[in-house]
Amino acid sequence: MATREDVVMALRRAQELSDQYWHCLDHPVSRLASGNTWTGPAADAFAGELTRRRSEVWRGLRDIIDELRDMLARMPPENGAAR
């Protein structure tokens, strides 16, 4: 079973990865949406799929962070009092 410290470390790492990857598909999506990069039915289909995939990345990042926060909230606080 994971310790509170393990979950805190996992949450920090997940937040770092979220910060790193949250906007990874923004530039390609905006370039395709501009109509100056690639046009036509195939381009439209690809842009739609890329936009959906970006939403999946966002949802996955949020879900992981939310799950770790929930897990942390259910854990008893560490006893840091001196003995």
N, C-alpha and C. Protein backbone atom coordinates (compact mmCIF):
# COMPACT_ATOMS: atom_id res chain seq x y z
N MET A 1 0.84 -1.18 0.00
CA MET A 1 0.00 0.00 0.00
C MET A 1 0.89 1.24 0.00
N ALA A 2 0.49 2.23 -0.74
CA ALA A 2 1.27 3.45 -0.86
C ALA A 2 1.19 4.27 0.42
N THR A 3 2.30 4.88 0.76
CA THR A 3 2.31 5.78 1.90
C THR A 3 1.83 7.16 1.46
N ARG A 4 1.52 7.99 2.42
CA ARG A 4 1.12 9.36 2.12
C ARG A 4 2.22 10.07 1.33
N GLU A 5 3.45 9.84 1.74
CA GLU A 5 4.58 10.47 1.03
C GLU A 5 4.65 10.01 -0.43
N ASP A 6 4.38 8.73 -0.67
CA ASP A 6 4.36 8.21 -2.04
C ASP A 6 3.31 8.93 -2.89
N VAL A 7 2.13 9.12 -2.30
CA VAL A 7 1.04 9.77 -3.04
C VAL A 7 1.36 11.24 -3.28
N VAL A 8 1.93 11.90 -2.29
CA VAL A 8 2.32 13.31 -2.46
C VAL A 8 3.36 13.43 -3.59
N MET A 9 4.33 12.53 -3.59
CA MET A 9 5.36 12.56 -4.64
C MET A 9 4.75 12.27 -6.01
N ALA A 10 3.82 11.33 -6.08
CA ALA A 10 3.15 11.01 -7.34
C ALA A 10 2.32 12.20 -7.82
N LEU A 11 1.65 12.87 -6.90
CA LEU A 11 0.85 14.05 -7.25
C LEU A 11 1.74 15.16 -7.79
N ARG A 12 2.85 15.40 -7.14
CA ARG A 12 3.79 16.43 -7.63
C ARG A 12 4.27 16.10 -9.03
N ARG A 13 4.63 14.84 -9.25
CA ARG A 13 5.10 14.42 -10.57
C ARG A 13 4.01 14.56 -11.61
N ALA A 14 2.80 14.17 -11.27
CA ALA A 14 1.68 14.30 -12.20
C ALA A 14 1.42 15.76 -12.55
N GLN A 15 1.53 16.64 -11.57
CA GLN A 15 1.34 18.06 -11.83
C GLN A 15 2.45 18.61 -12.73
N GLU A 16 3.68 18.15 -12.51
CA GLU A 16 4.79 18.56 -13.38
C GLU A 16 4.55 18.11 -14.82
N LEU A 17 4.13 16.87 -14.99
CA LEU A 17 3.86 16.35 -16.32
C LEU A 17 2.68 17.07 -16.96
N SER A 18 1.67 17.39 -16.17
CA SER A 18 0.53 18.14 -16.67
C SER A 18 0.98 19.51 -17.17
N ASP A 19 1.80 20.18 -16.38
CA ASP A 19 2.32 21.49 -16.79
C ASP A 19 3.12 21.37 -18.09
N GLN A 20 3.87 20.29 -18.21
CA GLN A 20 4.73 20.09 -19.38
C GLN A 20 3.92 19.75 -20.63
N TYR A 21 2.87 18.95 -20.50
CA TYR A 21 2.17 18.44 -21.67
C TYR A 21 0.81 19.07 -21.95
N TRP A 22 0.32 19.92 -21.07
CA TRP A 22 -1.03 20.48 -21.23
C TRP A 22 -1.20 21.17 -22.59
N HIS A 23 -0.19 21.90 -23.01
CA HIS A 23 -0.31 22.69 -24.24
C HIS A 23 0.44 22.07 -25.43
N CYS A 24 0.84 20.81 -25.32
CA CYS A 24 1.67 20.19 -26.36
C CYS A 24 1.01 20.14 -27.73
N LEU A 25 -0.30 20.10 -27.79
CA LEU A 25 -0.99 20.02 -29.09
C LEU A 25 -1.64 21.34 -29.50
N ASP A 26 -1.49 22.38 -28.69
CA ASP A 26 -2.12 23.67 -29.02
C ASP A 26 -1.62 24.24 -30.35
N HIS A 27 -0.32 24.25 -30.54
CA HIS A 27 0.24 24.85 -31.76
C HIS A 27 -0.20 24.08 -33.01
N PRO A 28 -0.07 22.76 -33.04
CA PRO A 28 -0.54 22.04 -34.24
C PRO A 28 -2.04 22.24 -34.50
N VAL A 29 -2.85 22.25 -33.44
CA VAL A 29 -4.29 22.44 -33.62
C VAL A 29 -4.57 23.83 -34.20
N SER A 30 -3.90 24.85 -33.67
CA SER A 30 -4.15 26.21 -34.17
C SER A 30 -3.62 26.39 -35.59
N ARG A 31 -2.50 25.73 -35.92
CA ARG A 31 -1.98 25.81 -37.29
C ARG A 31 -2.97 25.19 -38.27
N LEU A 32 -3.53 24.04 -37.91
CA LEU A 32 -4.50 23.41 -38.79
C LEU A 32 -5.78 24.23 -38.89
N ALA A 33 -6.19 24.82 -37.80
CA ALA A 33 -7.42 25.62 -37.79
C ALA A 33 -7.28 26.89 -38.62
N SER A 34 -6.05 27.37 -38.79
CA SER A 34 -5.84 28.61 -39.55
C SER A 34 -6.17 28.43 -41.03
N GLY A 35 -6.10 27.20 -41.54
CA GLY A 35 -6.37 26.96 -42.95
C GLY A 35 -5.20 27.29 -43.84
N ASN A 36 -4.09 27.68 -43.25
CA ASN A 36 -2.91 28.04 -44.05
C ASN A 36 -1.91 26.89 -44.17
N THR A 37 -2.14 25.81 -43.46
CA THR A 37 -1.18 24.71 -43.43
C THR A 37 -1.58 23.59 -44.38
N TRP A 38 -2.83 23.19 -44.28
CA TRP A 38 -3.32 22.03 -45.04
C TRP A 38 -4.81 22.20 -45.13
N THR A 39 -5.37 22.04 -46.29
CA THR A 39 -6.81 22.23 -46.45
C THR A 39 -7.43 21.02 -47.15
N GLY A 40 -8.73 20.94 -47.07
CA GLY A 40 -9.45 19.87 -47.73
C GLY A 40 -10.08 18.93 -46.73
N PRO A 41 -10.85 17.98 -47.22
CA PRO A 41 -11.56 17.04 -46.34
C PRO A 41 -10.64 16.23 -45.44
N ALA A 42 -9.52 15.76 -45.98
CA ALA A 42 -8.59 14.98 -45.15
C ALA A 42 -8.00 15.85 -44.05
N ALA A 43 -7.69 17.10 -44.37
CA ALA A 43 -7.16 18.03 -43.37
C ALA A 43 -8.19 18.29 -42.28
N ASP A 44 -9.44 18.47 -42.69
CA ASP A 44 -10.51 18.71 -41.72
C ASP A 44 -10.69 17.50 -40.79
N ALA A 45 -10.65 16.30 -41.37
CA ALA A 45 -10.79 15.09 -40.56
C ALA A 45 -9.63 14.95 -39.59
N PHE A 46 -8.42 15.22 -40.09
CA PHE A 46 -7.24 15.13 -39.23
C PHE A 46 -7.29 16.16 -38.12
N ALA A 47 -7.69 17.39 -38.44
CA ALA A 47 -7.79 18.46 -37.44
C ALA A 47 -8.82 18.09 -36.37
N GLY A 48 -9.93 17.51 -36.78
CA GLY A 48 -10.95 17.08 -35.82
C GLY A 48 -10.42 16.00 -34.89
N GLU A 49 -9.70 15.04 -35.47
CA GLU A 49 -9.13 13.95 -34.66
C GLU A 49 -8.06 14.50 -33.71
N LEU A 50 -7.23 15.41 -34.19
CA LEU A 50 -6.20 16.00 -33.34
C LEU A 50 -6.82 16.79 -32.18
N THR A 51 -7.89 17.50 -32.46
CA THR A 51 -8.59 18.25 -31.41
C THR A 51 -9.19 17.29 -30.38
N ARG A 52 -9.76 16.18 -30.84
CA ARG A 52 -10.29 15.18 -29.91
C ARG A 52 -9.18 14.56 -29.06
N ARG A 53 -8.07 14.30 -29.68
CA ARG A 53 -6.94 13.71 -28.94
C ARG A 53 -6.41 14.69 -27.90
N ARG A 54 -6.38 15.97 -28.24
CA ARG A 54 -5.95 16.98 -27.27
C ARG A 54 -6.89 16.99 -26.08
N SER A 55 -8.17 16.88 -26.34
CA SER A 55 -9.15 16.82 -25.25
C SER A 55 -8.93 15.58 -24.39
N GLU A 56 -8.57 14.46 -25.00
CA GLU A 56 -8.28 13.23 -24.25
C GLU A 56 -7.05 13.41 -23.36
N VAL A 57 -6.03 14.09 -23.88
CA VAL A 57 -4.84 14.37 -23.07
C VAL A 57 -5.24 15.21 -21.87
N TRP A 58 -6.00 16.27 -22.09
CA TRP A 58 -6.43 17.13 -20.99
C TRP A 58 -7.23 16.35 -19.96
N ARG A 59 -8.18 15.55 -20.44
CA ARG A 59 -9.04 14.77 -19.54
C ARG A 59 -8.19 13.77 -18.74
N GLY A 60 -7.27 13.11 -19.39
CA GLY A 60 -6.41 12.15 -18.70
C GLY A 60 -5.55 12.81 -17.64
N LEU A 61 -4.98 13.95 -17.97
CA LEU A 61 -4.16 14.67 -16.99
C LEU A 61 -5.00 15.09 -15.78
N ARG A 62 -6.18 15.64 -16.06
CA ARG A 62 -7.07 16.05 -14.95
C ARG A 62 -7.49 14.86 -14.11
N ASP A 63 -7.83 13.75 -14.77
CA ASP A 63 -8.29 12.56 -14.04
C ASP A 63 -7.21 12.01 -13.13
N ILE A 64 -5.98 11.96 -13.61
CA ILE A 64 -4.89 11.44 -12.78
C ILE A 64 -4.68 12.32 -11.55
N ILE A 65 -4.63 13.62 -11.77
CA ILE A 65 -4.43 14.55 -10.65
C ILE A 65 -5.60 14.49 -9.68
N ASP A 66 -6.82 14.44 -10.19
CA ASP A 66 -7.99 14.35 -9.31
C ASP A 66 -7.97 13.06 -8.49
N GLU A 67 -7.61 11.94 -9.12
CA GLU A 67 -7.56 10.66 -8.42
C GLU A 67 -6.51 10.69 -7.31
N LEU A 68 -5.35 11.25 -7.60
CA LEU A 68 -4.30 11.34 -6.57
C LEU A 68 -4.73 12.26 -5.43
N ARG A 69 -5.38 13.36 -5.75
CA ARG A 69 -5.88 14.26 -4.69
C ARG A 69 -6.93 13.56 -3.84
N ASP A 70 -7.82 12.82 -4.48
CA ASP A 70 -8.84 12.07 -3.73
C ASP A 70 -8.19 11.03 -2.84
N MET A 71 -7.21 10.32 -3.38
CA MET A 71 -6.50 9.31 -2.61
C MET A 71 -5.83 9.94 -1.39
N LEU A 72 -5.21 11.07 -1.60
CA LEU A 72 -4.53 11.78 -0.51
C LEU A 72 -5.54 12.24 0.55
N ALA A 73 -6.69 12.70 0.12
CA ALA A 73 -7.72 13.17 1.05
C ALA A 73 -8.27 12.02 1.91
N ARG A 74 -8.26 10.81 1.37
CA ARG A 74 -8.77 9.65 2.11
C ARG A 74 -7.75 9.07 3.08
N MET A 75 -6.50 9.49 2.93
CA MET A 75 -5.44 8.94 3.78
C MET A 75 -5.38 9.69 5.11
N PRO A 76 -5.07 8.99 6.17
CA PRO A 76 -4.91 9.69 7.45
C PRO A 76 -3.68 10.58 7.40
N PRO A 77 -3.71 11.71 8.09
CA PRO A 77 -2.54 12.59 8.09
C PRO A 77 -1.37 11.88 8.79
N GLU A 78 -0.17 12.24 8.37
CA GLU A 78 1.00 11.67 9.00
C GLU A 78 1.13 12.28 10.38
N ASN A 79 1.56 11.48 11.30
CA ASN A 79 1.76 11.96 12.67
C ASN A 79 3.18 12.48 12.77
N GLY A 80 3.33 13.80 12.77
CA GLY A 80 4.65 14.40 12.83
C GLY A 80 5.02 14.84 14.23
N ALA A 81 4.19 14.48 15.21
CA ALA A 81 4.46 14.90 16.60
C ALA A 81 5.64 14.12 17.17
N ALA A 82 6.39 14.80 17.99
CA ALA A 82 7.53 14.17 18.66
C ALA A 82 7.02 13.19 19.72
N ARG A 83 7.77 12.13 19.93
CA ARG A 83 7.33 11.12 20.90
C ARG A 83 7.89 11.39 22.24
